[in-house]
C-alpha atoms as a PDB file:
ATOM      1  CA  ARG A   1     -38.422   0.677 -59.873  1.00  0.00           C
ATOM      2  CA  LEU A   2     -41.528   1.908 -61.622  1.00  0.00           C
ATOM      3  CA  ALA A   3     -43.705   1.122 -58.606  1.00  0.00           C
ATOM      4  CA  LEU A   4     -41.273   2.933 -56.319  1.00  0.00           C
ATOM      5  CA  ALA A   5     -41.257   5.968 -58.575  1.00  0.00           C
ATOM      6  CA  ARG A   6     -45.038   6.052 -58.818  1.00  0.00           C
ATOM      7  CA  ALA A   7     -45.391   5.695 -55.048  1.00  0.00           C
ATOM      8  CA  GLU A   8     -42.695   8.345 -54.608  1.00  0.00           C
ATOM      9  CA  VAL A   9     -40.740   6.274 -52.098  1.00  0.00           C
ATOM     10  CA  SER A  10     -37.111   5.299 -52.020  1.00  0.00           C
ATOM     11  CA  PRO A  11     -36.005   1.664 -51.904  1.00  0.00           C
ATOM     12  CA  GLY A  12     -34.577   2.220 -48.430  1.00  0.00           C
ATOM     13  CA  GLU A  13     -38.004   2.966 -47.000  1.00  0.00           C
ATOM     14  CA  THR A  14     -39.652  -0.022 -48.665  1.00  0.00           C
ATOM     15  CA  VAL A  15     -40.338  -3.569 -47.498  1.00  0.00           C
ATOM     16  CA  PHE A  16     -40.748  -6.332 -50.075  1.00  0.00           C
ATOM     17  CA  VAL A  17     -42.432  -9.541 -48.915  1.00  0.00           C
ATOM     18  CA  GLY A  18     -42.319 -12.671 -51.027  1.00  0.00           C
ATOM     19  CA  ASP A  19     -42.167 -16.430 -50.793  1.00  0.00           C
ATOM     20  CA  ASN A  20     -39.342 -17.254 -53.174  1.00  0.00           C
ATOM     21  CA  PRO A  21     -35.781 -16.435 -52.073  1.00  0.00           C
ATOM     22  CA  GLU A  22     -34.469 -16.328 -55.626  1.00  0.00           C
ATOM     23  CA  PHE A  23     -37.103 -13.959 -57.000  1.00  0.00           C
ATOM     24  CA  ASP A  24     -38.448 -12.165 -53.924  1.00  0.00           C
ATOM     25  CA  VAL A  25     -35.353 -11.609 -51.781  1.00  0.00           C
ATOM     26  CA  VAL A  26     -32.292 -11.159 -53.975  1.00  0.00           C
ATOM     27  CA  PRO A  27     -33.692  -8.632 -56.516  1.00  0.00           C
ATOM     28  CA  PRO A  28     -35.352  -6.314 -53.961  1.00  0.00           C
ATOM     29  CA  ALA A  29     -32.204  -6.400 -51.810  1.00  0.00           C
ATOM     30  CA  SER A  30     -30.110  -5.411 -54.821  1.00  0.00           C
ATOM     31  CA  LEU A  31     -32.305  -2.318 -55.181  1.00  0.00           C
ATOM     32  CA  GLY A  32     -31.882  -1.408 -51.519  1.00  0.00           C
ATOM     33  CA  MET A  33     -35.283  -2.613 -50.293  1.00  0.00           C
ATOM     34  CA  PHE A  34     -35.751  -4.605 -47.080  1.00  0.00           C
ATOM     35  CA  PRO A  35     -36.717  -8.107 -48.262  1.00  0.00           C
ATOM     36  CA  VAL A  36     -38.747 -10.407 -46.038  1.00  0.00           C
ATOM     37  CA  LEU A  37     -39.203 -14.050 -46.899  1.00  0.00           C
ATOM     38  CA  ILE A  38     -42.605 -15.429 -45.974  1.00  0.00           C
ATOM     39  CA  ASP A  39     -42.037 -19.132 -45.457  1.00  0.00           C
ATOM     40  CA  ARG A  40     -45.459 -20.555 -44.591  1.00  0.00           C
ATOM     41  CA  ARG A  41     -44.401 -24.174 -45.116  1.00  0.00           C
ATOM     42  CA  GLU A  42     -40.989 -23.733 -43.461  1.00  0.00           C
ATOM     43  CA  ARG A  43     -39.055 -24.813 -46.535  1.00  0.00           C
ATOM     44  CA  HIS A  44     -36.321 -22.221 -46.028  1.00  0.00           C
ATOM     45  CA  VAL A  45     -35.511 -22.531 -42.316  1.00  0.00           C
ATOM     46  CA  HIS A  46     -31.824 -21.819 -42.992  1.00  0.00           C
ATOM     47  CA  HIS A  47     -32.524 -18.513 -44.755  1.00  0.00           C
ATOM     48  CA  ASP A  48     -30.079 -15.930 -43.373  1.00  0.00           C
ATOM     49  CA  GLY A  49     -32.266 -12.877 -43.843  1.00  0.00           C
ATOM     50  CA  ALA A  50     -35.575 -11.725 -42.438  1.00  0.00           C
ATOM     51  CA  ARG A  51     -38.028 -14.626 -42.443  1.00  0.00           C
ATOM     52  CA  ILE A  52     -41.569 -15.005 -41.171  1.00  0.00           C
ATOM     53  CA  THR A  53     -43.992 -17.927 -41.339  1.00  0.00           C
ATOM     54  CA  ASP A  54     -47.160 -15.865 -41.101  1.00  0.00           C
ATOM     55  CA  LEU A  55     -47.901 -12.432 -42.516  1.00  0.00           C
ATOM     56  CA  ARG A  56     -49.248 -11.330 -39.134  1.00  0.00           C
ATOM     57  CA  ALA A  57     -45.670 -11.535 -37.832  1.00  0.00           C
ATOM     58  CA  LEU A  58     -44.534  -8.786 -40.202  1.00  0.00           C
ATOM     59  CA  VAL A  59     -45.451  -5.944 -37.845  1.00  0.00           C
ATOM     60  CA  ASP A  60     -43.412  -7.411 -34.993  1.00  0.00           C
ATOM     61  CA  LEU A  61     -40.464  -8.022 -37.317  1.00  0.00           C
ATOM     62  CA  LEU A  62     -40.497  -4.434 -38.559  1.00  0.00           C
ATOM     63  CA  GLU A  63     -40.859  -2.993 -35.073  1.00  0.00           C
ATOM     64  CA  ALA A  64     -37.827  -5.026 -33.944  1.00  0.00           C
ATOM     65  CA  ALA A  65     -35.707  -3.941 -36.922  1.00  0.00           C
END
């Protein structure tokens, strides 16, 4: 919340990318951010939300959203 306030952006206009569903998907989603799981080793293939295996895929994911 502090980072959002300092950046002067709302959670709804923010993307949070992380590699741990428990720590990097659930908490940002609860704040209203758009969480993206980066799953480089494909350990979370059954993840229901936004998931990429390479950070370069983020732009395409966001353009499609």
